[in-house]
């Protein structure tokens, strides 16, 4: 059985270190795991119940929900903005939490990783993301973590896929998430 992991990146910047971390996850995933990065979070409007109706759901939100529904697990890659989760990632969680009790996150294992400029590597944002996922019905993998501090310096000339420490830890997160997804089936 191939496990499908959908990756959502909380940074929209083209040269984002977190985007590169997501790319590394795709490149190092083992044969029995398919990791894909969702493209288009920047086109999903802010969640609003007025447009979350049978005849009005924006196509970009439908695409996000369908991708999450088809995945066995999710990997959130989050920078830290002002000590918390980026709005684009929180918005994705909000869309995936609906309909209440039956959203695309419901019962799915979710791991959160990331890198940030500060000395703690974005742990506050990751904690906030896990909290939001839990409330939205997902199952956060509390012990599958990766917080990489000093991103601006560490990845100035090095892609995360070329950093042995990062790839070893990221591989552990991917394997652990895949195991949980298999157990959840």
Foldseek 3Di string as FASTA:
>chain_A
DAAEEEEEEQDPDPPDLLVLLLVLLQVLADPSYHYDYDPDLVPQDQDDVVQPDPPRHDPSLVVLQVSLLPGLAYEYEAEADPLAGHPSLLRSLVSQLPPPPDGSQAAHEYEYEYAYAAPFQNVSHRVRSCVSSVVSHHHYPVPLYYRHYRCCVVVVPPRLSRDVVSSVSSNVSSVVSRVVSVVSD
